[in-house]
Amino acid sequence: MLELEKNTDKSNRYIVAGIPEGYDAIYLEQLAKKEQQPIIHITTDDMRLERIHESLQFFTKDVDIIRFPAWDCLAYDRVSPSSEIMGERLKTLTKLMNRKGHPKPLIIITTIAAITQKVPARAEFKSSFFAIKTANIINLQLLTEYLIANGYHRTETVREAGEYALRGGLIDIFPAGRELPIRIDCFGDEVESIKTFDALSQRSLEDIKEVNLYPISEVILNKDAIDKFRKNYRAEFGAAKSDDALYASISEGRIYAGMEHWLPFFYDNLETLFDYIPTA
């Protein structure tokens, strides 16, 4: 058993040094079980994050492990973060908000870049998931509106995270934070079955009872966010020109590549991961 000692300043932080790589996962597990509070472990970069995540999955038992990676693009790049990265970030934020009363110890692994980056405030995500269960009634119009507003885009064939397809009574969605897409089979407006499927072969795989959909983008394109963006954009740059593709797309509620880099224009205030788990 490792000896766990807090800093002498009576803070809630630990300084860890001299632990062999791989054994640090065992240390984090013992720390999480001892403190009975969420543990945030901040790594130097994404490569180190993946290594510690693999070690934790191998060594730890009865501990929840979630990742919070940084964006995989540069600031004010002309591209958005990948849907996989964005999906995992948003799944983590949503989980942290709905974790009250959860019995298991929790370890959050993140990086310096991710922990210092601002995210939408907790209030923005309080009702940002869409629950689907077998034998329940589903409103296709509400589902479609949710998918569009939360960053999903429609395709003929679903192959990547953040895509969805509608074909009569079949709804294919690749939700944020899931390894496999899902296929919802409806009879009228009732959900008959939910199955995972292979994105390459399109063959159905495993039956599941329910699924929660999460946003695929940190920009939720609802009316309030669009109005705030338009107001802040005009205040900063003046009246938008007719050929301003960014302004035109957002005004029409359409996804625009790289719009996440304008995050402060969409919200009144932003927070960090520490705000989502103040007791960590």
C-alpha atoms as a PDB file:
ATOM      1  CA  MET A   1       0.000   0.000   0.000  1.00  0.00           C
ATOM      2  CA  LEU A   2       1.334   3.423  -0.952  1.00  0.00           C
ATOM      3  CA  GLU A   3       1.554   6.172   1.633  1.00  0.00           C
ATOM      4  CA  LEU A   4      -0.658   9.107   0.647  1.00  0.00           C
ATOM      5  CA  GLU A   5       0.243  12.466   2.136  1.00  0.00           C
ATOM      6  CA  LYS A   6      -1.384  15.824   1.455  1.00  0.00           C
ATOM      7  CA  ASN A   7       0.494  19.080   1.058  1.00  0.00           C
ATOM      8  CA  THR A   8       1.508  20.772   4.284  1.00  0.00           C
ATOM      9  CA  ASP A   9      -0.625  23.826   3.385  1.00  0.00           C
ATOM     10  CA  LYS A  10      -3.772  21.766   4.155  1.00  0.00           C
ATOM     11  CA  SER A  11      -5.031  22.153   0.609  1.00  0.00           C
ATOM     12  CA  ASN A  12      -6.915  19.432  -1.216  1.00  0.00           C
ATOM     13  CA  ARG A  13      -3.983  18.789  -3.552  1.00  0.00           C
ATOM     14  CA  TYR A  14      -1.353  16.083  -3.727  1.00  0.00           C
ATOM     15  CA  ILE A  15       2.148  16.312  -5.171  1.00  0.00           C
ATOM     16  CA  VAL A  16       3.172  13.047  -6.800  1.00  0.00           C
ATOM     17  CA  ALA A  17       6.794  12.422  -7.745  1.00  0.00           C
ATOM     18  CA  GLY A  18       9.098   9.468  -8.287  1.00  0.00           C
ATOM     19  CA  ILE A  19       6.377   6.923  -9.055  1.00  0.00           C
ATOM     20  CA  PRO A  20       7.330   4.528 -11.889  1.00  0.00           C
ATOM     21  CA  GLU A  21       5.172   4.830 -14.994  1.00  0.00           C
ATOM     22  CA  GLY A  22       2.319   2.363 -14.817  1.00  0.00           C
ATOM     23  CA  TYR A  23       2.376   2.234 -11.019  1.00  0.00           C
ATOM     24  CA  ASP A  24       0.878   5.718 -10.907  1.00  0.00           C
ATOM     25  CA  ALA A  25      -2.465   4.165 -11.879  1.00  0.00           C
ATOM     26  CA  ILE A  26      -2.440   2.107  -8.675  1.00  0.00           C
ATOM     27  CA  TYR A  27      -1.622   5.251  -6.712  1.00  0.00           C
ATOM     28  CA  LEU A  28      -4.555   7.133  -8.250  1.00  0.00           C
ATOM     29  CA  GLU A  29      -6.928   4.255  -7.487  1.00  0.00           C
ATOM     30  CA  GLN A  30      -5.901   4.218  -3.821  1.00  0.00           C
ATOM     31  CA  LEU A  31      -6.181   7.991  -3.651  1.00  0.00           C
ATOM     32  CA  ALA A  32      -9.698   7.999  -5.115  1.00  0.00           C
ATOM     33  CA  LYS A  33     -10.889   5.300  -2.706  1.00  0.00           C
ATOM     34  CA  LYS A  34      -9.277   7.000   0.279  1.00  0.00           C
ATOM     35  CA  GLU A  35     -10.621  10.500  -0.369  1.00  0.00           C
ATOM     36  CA  GLN A  36     -14.126   9.439  -1.536  1.00  0.00           C
ATOM     37  CA  GLN A  37     -14.082  12.582  -3.672  1.00  0.00           C
ATOM     38  CA  PRO A  38     -13.533  12.987  -7.421  1.00  0.00           C
ATOM     39  CA  ILE A  39      -9.852  13.038  -8.367  1.00  0.00           C
ATOM     40  CA  ILE A  40      -8.600  15.175 -11.273  1.00  0.00           C
ATOM     41  CA  HIS A  41      -5.307  13.933 -12.685  1.00  0.00           C
ATOM     42  CA  ILE A  42      -3.718  16.476 -15.040  1.00  0.00           C
ATOM     43  CA  THR A  43      -1.243  15.091 -17.579  1.00  0.00           C
ATOM     44  CA  THR A  44       1.191  17.005 -19.765  1.00  0.00           C
ATOM     45  CA  ASP A  45      -0.269  16.005 -23.146  1.00  0.00           C
ATOM     46  CA  ASP A  46      -2.651  13.706 -25.012  1.00  0.00           C
ATOM     47  CA  MET A  47      -0.115  10.887 -25.347  1.00  0.00           C
ATOM     48  CA  ARG A  48       0.411  10.771 -21.611  1.00  0.00           C
ATOM     49  CA  LEU A  49      -3.368  10.919 -21.095  1.00  0.00           C
ATOM     50  CA  GLU A  50      -3.878   7.811 -23.228  1.00  0.00           C
ATOM     51  CA  ARG A  51      -1.122   5.888 -21.422  1.00  0.00           C
ATOM     52  CA  ILE A  52      -2.481   6.612 -17.959  1.00  0.00           C
ATOM     53  CA  HIS A  53      -6.009   5.785 -19.150  1.00  0.00           C
ATOM     54  CA  GLU A  54      -4.901   2.348 -20.377  1.00  0.00           C
ATOM     55  CA  SER A  55      -3.119   1.675 -17.080  1.00  0.00           C
ATOM     56  CA  LEU A  56      -6.151   2.713 -15.037  1.00  0.00           C
ATOM     57  CA  GLN A  57      -8.455   0.461 -17.038  1.00  0.00           C
ATOM     58  CA  PHE A  58      -6.114  -2.474 -16.407  1.00  0.00           C
ATOM     59  CA  PHE A  59      -5.389  -1.944 -12.703  1.00  0.00           C
ATOM     60  CA  THR A  60      -8.430  -0.283 -11.170  1.00  0.00           C
ATOM     61  CA  LYS A  61     -11.631  -1.880  -9.903  1.00  0.00           C
ATOM     62  CA  ASP A  62     -14.857  -0.257  -8.707  1.00  0.00           C
ATOM     63  CA  VAL A  63     -13.676   3.180  -9.879  1.00  0.00           C
ATOM     64  CA  ASP A  64     -15.224   5.272 -12.643  1.00  0.00           C
ATOM     65  CA  ILE A  65     -12.640   6.587 -15.107  1.00  0.00           C
ATOM     66  CA  ILE A  66     -13.502   9.340 -17.566  1.00  0.00           C
ATOM     67  CA  ARG A  67     -11.382  11.428 -19.911  1.00  0.00           C
ATOM     68  CA  PHE A  68     -11.529  15.116 -20.758  1.00  0.00           C
ATOM     69  CA  PRO A  69      -9.245  15.695 -23.754  1.00  0.00           C
ATOM     70  CA  ALA A  70      -8.278  19.029 -25.304  1.00  0.00           C
ATOM     71  CA  TRP A  71      -9.357  20.142 -28.768  1.00  0.00           C
ATOM     72  CA  ASP A  72      -7.309  18.591 -31.557  1.00  0.00           C
ATOM     73  CA  CYS A  73      -6.968  21.848 -33.511  1.00  0.00           C
ATOM     74  CA  LEU A  74      -5.255  25.196 -33.045  1.00  0.00           C
ATOM     75  CA  ALA A  75      -6.978  28.293 -31.710  1.00  0.00           C
ATOM     76  CA  TYR A  76      -9.000  30.127 -34.390  1.00  0.00           C
ATOM     77  CA  ASP A  77      -8.297  27.379 -36.886  1.00  0.00           C
ATOM     78  CA  ARG A  78     -10.572  27.115 -39.925  1.00  0.00           C
ATOM     79  CA  VAL A  79     -11.716  23.671 -38.817  1.00  0.00           C
ATOM     80  CA  SER A  80     -13.735  22.482 -35.840  1.00  0.00           C
ATOM     81  CA  PRO A  81     -12.452  19.951 -33.302  1.00  0.00           C
ATOM     82  CA  SER A  82     -13.117  16.378 -34.398  1.00  0.00           C
ATOM     83  CA  SER A  83     -16.530  14.981 -33.512  1.00  0.00           C
ATOM     84  CA  GLU A  84     -14.890  12.175 -31.488  1.00  0.00           C
ATOM     85  CA  ILE A  85     -12.978  14.634 -29.283  1.00  0.00           C
ATOM     86  CA  MET A  86     -15.934  16.975 -28.915  1.00  0.00           C
ATOM     87  CA  GLY A  87     -18.271  14.095 -28.148  1.00  0.00           C
ATOM     88  CA  GLU A  88     -16.034  12.768 -25.386  1.00  0.00           C
ATOM     89  CA  ARG A  89     -15.644  16.221 -23.818  1.00  0.00           C
ATOM     90  CA  LEU A  90     -19.393  16.835 -23.786  1.00  0.00           C
ATOM     91  CA  LYS A  91     -20.182  13.351 -22.521  1.00  0.00           C
ATOM     92  CA  THR A  92     -17.796  13.965 -19.609  1.00  0.00           C
ATOM     93  CA  LEU A  93     -19.325  17.352 -18.764  1.00  0.00           C
ATOM     94  CA  THR A  94     -22.854  15.920 -18.871  1.00  0.00           C
ATOM     95  CA  LYS A  95     -21.855  12.955 -16.687  1.00  0.00           C
ATOM     96  CA  LEU A  96     -20.302  15.245 -14.092  1.00  0.00           C
ATOM     97  CA  MET A  97     -23.490  17.293 -13.831  1.00  0.00           C
ATOM     98  CA  ASN A  98     -25.644  14.190 -13.325  1.00  0.00           C
ATOM     99  CA  ARG A  99     -23.347  12.365 -10.934  1.00  0.00           C
ATOM    100  CA  LYS A 100     -24.919  13.479  -7.653  1.00  0.00           C
ATOM    101  CA  GLY A 101     -25.274  10.559  -5.278  1.00  0.00           C
ATOM    102  CA  HIS A 102     -23.171   8.185  -7.406  1.00  0.00           C
ATOM    103  CA  PRO A 103     -21.511   5.646  -5.082  1.00  0.00           C
ATOM    104  CA  LYS A 104     -18.327   4.855  -7.031  1.00  0.00           C
ATOM    105  CA  PRO A 105     -15.077   6.833  -6.663  1.00  0.00           C
ATOM    106  CA  LEU A 106     -14.237   8.905  -9.733  1.00  0.00           C
ATOM    107  CA  ILE A 107     -10.992   9.713 -11.544  1.00  0.00           C
ATOM    108  CA  ILE A 108     -11.010  12.356 -14.289  1.00  0.00           C
ATOM    109  CA  ILE A 109      -7.968  12.340 -16.565  1.00  0.00           C
ATOM    110  CA  THR A 110      -7.246  15.507 -18.480  1.00  0.00           C
ATOM    111  CA  THR A 111      -4.379  17.592 -19.852  1.00  0.00           C
ATOM    112  CA  ILE A 112      -2.965  21.033 -19.133  1.00  0.00           C
ATOM    113  CA  ALA A 113      -4.410  22.331 -22.404  1.00  0.00           C
ATOM    114  CA  ALA A 114      -7.873  20.948 -21.660  1.00  0.00           C
ATOM    115  CA  ILE A 115      -8.094  22.074 -18.029  1.00  0.00           C
ATOM    116  CA  THR A 116      -7.244  25.685 -18.879  1.00  0.00           C
ATOM    117  CA  GLN A 117      -9.742  25.949 -21.734  1.00  0.00           C
ATOM    118  CA  LYS A 118     -13.113  27.538 -21.044  1.00  0.00           C
ATOM    119  CA  VAL A 119     -16.300  25.566 -21.708  1.00  0.00           C
ATOM    120  CA  PRO A 120     -20.016  26.472 -21.734  1.00  0.00           C
ATOM    121  CA  ALA A 121     -21.470  27.011 -18.273  1.00  0.00           C
ATOM    122  CA  ARG A 122     -23.271  24.162 -16.532  1.00  0.00           C
ATOM    123  CA  ALA A 123     -26.659  25.774 -17.050  1.00  0.00           C
ATOM    124  CA  GLU A 124     -26.294  25.333 -20.818  1.00  0.00           C
ATOM    125  CA  PHE A 125     -26.141  21.525 -20.521  1.00  0.00           C
ATOM    126  CA  LYS A 126     -28.768  20.888 -17.839  1.00  0.00           C
ATOM    127  CA  SER A 127     -31.319  19.680 -20.382  1.00  0.00           C
ATOM    128  CA  SER A 128     -29.013  18.959 -23.288  1.00  0.00           C
ATOM    129  CA  PHE A 129     -29.437  15.183 -23.481  1.00  0.00           C
ATOM    130  CA  PHE A 130     -32.166  13.290 -25.330  1.00  0.00           C
ATOM    131  CA  ALA A 131     -33.231   9.949 -23.850  1.00  0.00           C
ATOM    132  CA  ILE A 132     -34.541   7.128 -26.066  1.00  0.00           C
ATOM    133  CA  LYS A 133     -35.909   3.840 -24.653  1.00  0.00           C
ATOM    134  CA  THR A 134     -37.460   0.780 -26.213  1.00  0.00           C
ATOM    135  CA  ALA A 135     -41.276   0.598 -26.033  1.00  0.00           C
ATOM    136  CA  ASN A 136     -41.434   4.367 -25.487  1.00  0.00           C
ATOM    137  CA  ILE A 137     -43.017   6.924 -27.781  1.00  0.00           C
ATOM    138  CA  ILE A 138     -40.576   9.054 -29.797  1.00  0.00           C
ATOM    139  CA  ASN A 139     -41.347  12.408 -31.387  1.00  0.00           C
ATOM    140  CA  LEU A 140     -39.403  12.415 -34.656  1.00  0.00           C
ATOM    141  CA  GLN A 141     -39.721  16.166 -35.135  1.00  0.00           C
ATOM    142  CA  LEU A 142     -38.347  16.905 -31.648  1.00  0.00           C
ATOM    143  CA  LEU A 143     -35.531  14.398 -32.205  1.00  0.00           C
ATOM    144  CA  THR A 144     -34.592  15.991 -35.532  1.00  0.00           C
ATOM    145  CA  GLU A 145     -34.648  19.479 -34.016  1.00  0.00           C
ATOM    146  CA  TYR A 146     -32.441  18.270 -31.163  1.00  0.00           C
ATOM    147  CA  LEU A 147     -29.904  16.677 -33.519  1.00  0.00           C
ATOM    148  CA  ILE A 148     -29.617  19.781 -35.708  1.00  0.00           C
ATOM    149  CA  ALA A 149     -29.346  22.190 -32.773  1.00  0.00           C
ATOM    150  CA  ASN A 150     -26.689  20.081 -31.046  1.00  0.00           C
ATOM    151  CA  GLY A 151     -24.257  19.722 -33.923  1.00  0.00           C
ATOM    152  CA  TYR A 152     -25.318  16.514 -35.714  1.00  0.00           C
ATOM    153  CA  HIS A 153     -25.564  16.541 -39.498  1.00  0.00           C
ATOM    154  CA  ARG A 154     -27.688  14.396 -41.786  1.00  0.00           C
ATOM    155  CA  THR A 155     -26.136  11.925 -44.242  1.00  0.00           C
ATOM    156  CA  GLU A 156     -27.302   9.057 -46.412  1.00  0.00           C
ATOM    157  CA  THR A 157     -25.125   6.525 -44.557  1.00  0.00           C
ATOM    158  CA  VAL A 158     -23.911   6.961 -40.980  1.00  0.00           C
ATOM    159  CA  ARG A 159     -20.192   6.251 -40.658  1.00  0.00           C
ATOM    160  CA  GLU A 160     -18.704   8.833 -38.286  1.00  0.00           C
ATOM    161  CA  ALA A 161     -19.589  10.349 -34.925  1.00  0.00           C
ATOM    162  CA  GLY A 162     -22.051  13.199 -35.207  1.00  0.00           C
ATOM    163  CA  GLU A 163     -23.945  11.847 -38.223  1.00  0.00           C
ATOM    164  CA  TYR A 164     -27.565  10.705 -38.479  1.00  0.00           C
ATOM    165  CA  ALA A 165     -29.786   9.247 -41.200  1.00  0.00           C
ATOM    166  CA  LEU A 166     -33.564   8.932 -41.473  1.00  0.00           C
ATOM    167  CA  ARG A 167     -35.062   6.146 -43.590  1.00  0.00           C
ATOM    168  CA  GLY A 168     -38.743   5.694 -42.891  1.00  0.00           C
ATOM    169  CA  GLY A 169     -39.078   3.865 -39.576  1.00  0.00           C
ATOM    170  CA  LEU A 170     -35.296   3.440 -39.211  1.00  0.00           C
ATOM    171  CA  ILE A 171     -33.155   6.094 -37.540  1.00  0.00           C
ATOM    172  CA  ASP A 172     -29.356   5.703 -37.578  1.00  0.00           C
ATOM    173  CA  ILE A 173     -27.358   7.927 -35.223  1.00  0.00           C
ATOM    174  CA  PHE A 174     -23.696   7.973 -34.222  1.00  0.00           C
ATOM    175  CA  PRO A 175     -24.008   9.571 -30.755  1.00  0.00           C
ATOM    176  CA  ALA A 176     -21.317  11.572 -29.025  1.00  0.00           C
ATOM    177  CA  GLY A 177     -19.028   9.512 -26.820  1.00  0.00           C
ATOM    178  CA  ARG A 178     -20.086   6.052 -28.111  1.00  0.00           C
ATOM    179  CA  GLU A 179     -17.791   3.594 -29.879  1.00  0.00           C
ATOM    180  CA  LEU A 180     -20.534   2.342 -32.211  1.00  0.00           C
ATOM    181  CA  PRO A 181     -23.501   3.994 -33.916  1.00  0.00           C
ATOM    182  CA  ILE A 182     -27.056   2.971 -33.020  1.00  0.00           C
ATOM    183  CA  ARG A 183     -30.051   1.959 -35.137  1.00  0.00           C
ATOM    184  CA  ILE A 184     -33.542   2.784 -33.845  1.00  0.00           C
ATOM    185  CA  ASP A 185     -36.381   0.771 -35.369  1.00  0.00           C
ATOM    186  CA  CYS A 186     -39.776   2.412 -34.953  1.00  0.00           C
ATOM    187  CA  PHE A 187     -43.305   1.199 -35.564  1.00  0.00           C
ATOM    188  CA  GLY A 188     -45.235   4.409 -36.058  1.00  0.00           C
ATOM    189  CA  ASP A 189     -44.038   6.616 -33.199  1.00  0.00           C
ATOM    190  CA  GLU A 190     -43.107   3.725 -30.859  1.00  0.00           C
ATOM    191  CA  VAL A 191     -39.514   2.533 -30.439  1.00  0.00           C
ATOM    192  CA  GLU A 192     -39.509  -1.213 -31.182  1.00  0.00           C
ATOM    193  CA  SER A 193     -35.771  -1.824 -30.818  1.00  0.00           C
ATOM    194  CA  ILE A 194     -32.406  -0.110 -30.418  1.00  0.00           C
ATOM    195  CA  LYS A 195     -29.291  -1.835 -31.728  1.00  0.00           C
ATOM    196  CA  THR A 196     -25.661  -0.970 -32.227  1.00  0.00           C
ATOM    197  CA  PHE A 197     -24.300  -1.544 -35.709  1.00  0.00           C
ATOM    198  CA  ASP A 198     -21.010  -1.691 -37.564  1.00  0.00           C
ATOM    199  CA  ALA A 199     -20.296   1.564 -39.406  1.00  0.00           C
ATOM    200  CA  LEU A 200     -18.402  -0.220 -42.202  1.00  0.00           C
ATOM    201  CA  SER A 201     -20.634  -3.206 -42.922  1.00  0.00           C
ATOM    202  CA  GLN A 202     -23.841  -1.507 -41.663  1.00  0.00           C
ATOM    203  CA  ARG A 203     -24.799  -4.815 -40.005  1.00  0.00           C
ATOM    204  CA  SER A 204     -26.789  -4.656 -36.765  1.00  0.00           C
ATOM    205  CA  LEU A 205     -25.001  -6.022 -33.708  1.00  0.00           C
ATOM    206  CA  GLU A 206     -26.175  -5.842 -30.096  1.00  0.00           C
ATOM    207  CA  ASP A 207     -29.581  -5.006 -28.642  1.00  0.00           C
ATOM    208  CA  ILE A 208     -29.641  -2.224 -26.076  1.00  0.00           C
ATOM    209  CA  LYS A 209     -32.572  -1.013 -23.996  1.00  0.00           C
ATOM    210  CA  GLU A 210     -31.922   2.703 -23.970  1.00  0.00           C
ATOM    211  CA  VAL A 211     -29.507   5.384 -25.129  1.00  0.00           C
ATOM    212  CA  ASN A 212     -28.853   8.990 -24.136  1.00  0.00           C
ATOM    213  CA  LEU A 213     -27.871  11.425 -26.878  1.00  0.00           C
ATOM    214  CA  TYR A 214     -25.474  14.249 -26.023  1.00  0.00           C
ATOM    215  CA  PRO A 215     -24.441  17.355 -27.987  1.00  0.00           C
ATOM    216  CA  ILE A 216     -21.693  16.862 -30.567  1.00  0.00           C
ATOM    217  CA  SER A 217     -20.611  20.500 -30.371  1.00  0.00           C
ATOM    218  CA  GLU A 218     -19.936  22.940 -27.549  1.00  0.00           C
ATOM    219  CA  VAL A 219     -21.960  25.462 -29.541  1.00  0.00           C
ATOM    220  CA  ILE A 220     -25.667  24.730 -29.121  1.00  0.00           C
ATOM    221  CA  LEU A 221     -27.359  26.548 -31.998  1.00  0.00           C
ATOM    222  CA  ASN A 222     -30.624  27.496 -30.327  1.00  0.00           C
ATOM    223  CA  LYS A 223     -32.314  30.862 -30.816  1.00  0.00           C
ATOM    224  CA  ASP A 224     -30.778  32.381 -27.697  1.00  0.00           C
ATOM    225  CA  ALA A 225     -27.225  31.427 -28.691  1.00  0.00           C
ATOM    226  CA  ILE A 226     -27.706  32.680 -32.258  1.00  0.00           C
ATOM    227  CA  ASP A 227     -29.048  36.035 -31.048  1.00  0.00           C
ATOM    228  CA  LYS A 228     -26.099  36.455 -28.670  1.00  0.00           C
ATOM    229  CA  PHE A 229     -23.615  35.617 -31.413  1.00  0.00           C
ATOM    230  CA  ARG A 230     -25.149  38.158 -33.810  1.00  0.00           C
ATOM    231  CA  LYS A 231     -25.172  40.873 -31.154  1.00  0.00           C
ATOM    232  CA  ASN A 232     -21.577  40.239 -29.997  1.00  0.00           C
ATOM    233  CA  TYR A 233     -20.280  39.867 -33.558  1.00  0.00           C
ATOM    234  CA  ARG A 234     -21.755  43.217 -34.628  1.00  0.00           C
ATOM    235  CA  ALA A 235     -20.502  44.918 -31.452  1.00  0.00           C
ATOM    236  CA  GLU A 236     -16.966  43.690 -32.146  1.00  0.00           C
ATOM    237  CA  PHE A 237     -16.740  44.034 -35.935  1.00  0.00           C
ATOM    238  CA  GLY A 238     -19.615  46.300 -36.966  1.00  0.00           C
ATOM    239  CA  ALA A 239     -22.295  45.430 -39.480  1.00  0.00           C
ATOM    240  CA  ALA A 240     -21.619  42.089 -41.195  1.00  0.00           C
ATOM    241  CA  LYS A 241     -20.866  42.151 -44.920  1.00  0.00           C
ATOM    242  CA  SER A 242     -22.984  40.248 -47.406  1.00  0.00           C
ATOM    243  CA  ASP A 243     -20.148  37.816 -48.106  1.00  0.00           C
ATOM    244  CA  ASP A 244     -19.506  36.985 -44.421  1.00  0.00           C
ATOM    245  CA  ALA A 245     -20.106  33.226 -44.532  1.00  0.00           C
ATOM    246  CA  LEU A 246     -19.649  32.737 -40.770  1.00  0.00           C
ATOM    247  CA  TYR A 247     -22.233  35.354 -39.819  1.00  0.00           C
ATOM    248  CA  ALA A 248     -24.707  34.205 -42.462  1.00  0.00           C
ATOM    249  CA  SER A 249     -24.456  30.526 -41.500  1.00  0.00           C
ATOM    250  CA  ILE A 250     -24.883  31.111 -37.779  1.00  0.00           C
ATOM    251  CA  SER A 251     -27.765  33.526 -38.399  1.00  0.00           C
ATOM    252  CA  GLU A 252     -29.560  30.787 -40.343  1.00  0.00           C
ATOM    253  CA  GLY A 253     -28.853  28.186 -37.637  1.00  0.00           C
ATOM    254  CA  ARG A 254     -26.457  26.230 -39.849  1.00  0.00           C
ATOM    255  CA  ILE A 255     -23.245  24.591 -38.633  1.00  0.00           C
ATOM    256  CA  TYR A 256     -20.095  26.374 -39.809  1.00  0.00           C
ATOM    257  CA  ALA A 257     -16.607  24.853 -39.724  1.00  0.00           C
ATOM    258  CA  GLY A 258     -14.580  26.429 -36.925  1.00  0.00           C
ATOM    259  CA  MET A 259     -17.527  28.105 -35.207  1.00  0.00           C
ATOM    260  CA  GLU A 260     -16.447  26.628 -31.848  1.00  0.00           C
ATOM    261  CA  HIS A 261     -13.503  29.047 -31.809  1.00  0.00           C
ATOM    262  CA  TRP A 262     -16.040  31.873 -31.362  1.00  0.00           C
ATOM    263  CA  LEU A 263     -17.446  30.265 -28.209  1.00  0.00           C
ATOM    264  CA  PRO A 264     -17.513  33.463 -26.048  1.00  0.00           C
ATOM    265  CA  PHE A 265     -19.839  35.105 -28.588  1.00  0.00           C
ATOM    266  CA  PHE A 266     -22.527  32.448 -28.021  1.00  0.00           C
ATOM    267  CA  TYR A 267     -22.761  32.560 -24.200  1.00  0.00           C
ATOM    268  CA  ASP A 268     -22.928  35.139 -21.430  1.00  0.00           C
ATOM    269  CA  ASN A 269     -20.219  33.402 -19.439  1.00  0.00           C
ATOM    270  CA  LEU A 270     -17.913  30.404 -19.678  1.00  0.00           C
ATOM    271  CA  GLU A 271     -16.530  28.048 -17.023  1.00  0.00           C
ATOM    272  CA  THR A 272     -13.759  25.477 -16.632  1.00  0.00           C
ATOM    273  CA  LEU A 273     -13.783  21.813 -15.666  1.00  0.00           C
ATOM    274  CA  PHE A 274     -13.130  22.850 -12.037  1.00  0.00           C
ATOM    275  CA  ASP A 275     -16.548  24.534 -11.933  1.00  0.00           C
ATOM    276  CA  TYR A 276     -18.226  21.241 -12.880  1.00  0.00           C
ATOM    277  CA  ILE A 277     -16.554  19.378 -10.000  1.00  0.00           C
ATOM    278  CA  PRO A 278     -15.711  21.931  -7.299  1.00  0.00           C
ATOM    279  CA  THR A 279     -15.138  19.208  -4.671  1.00  0.00           C
ATOM    280  CA  ALA A 280     -12.415  17.413  -6.658  1.00  0.00           C
END
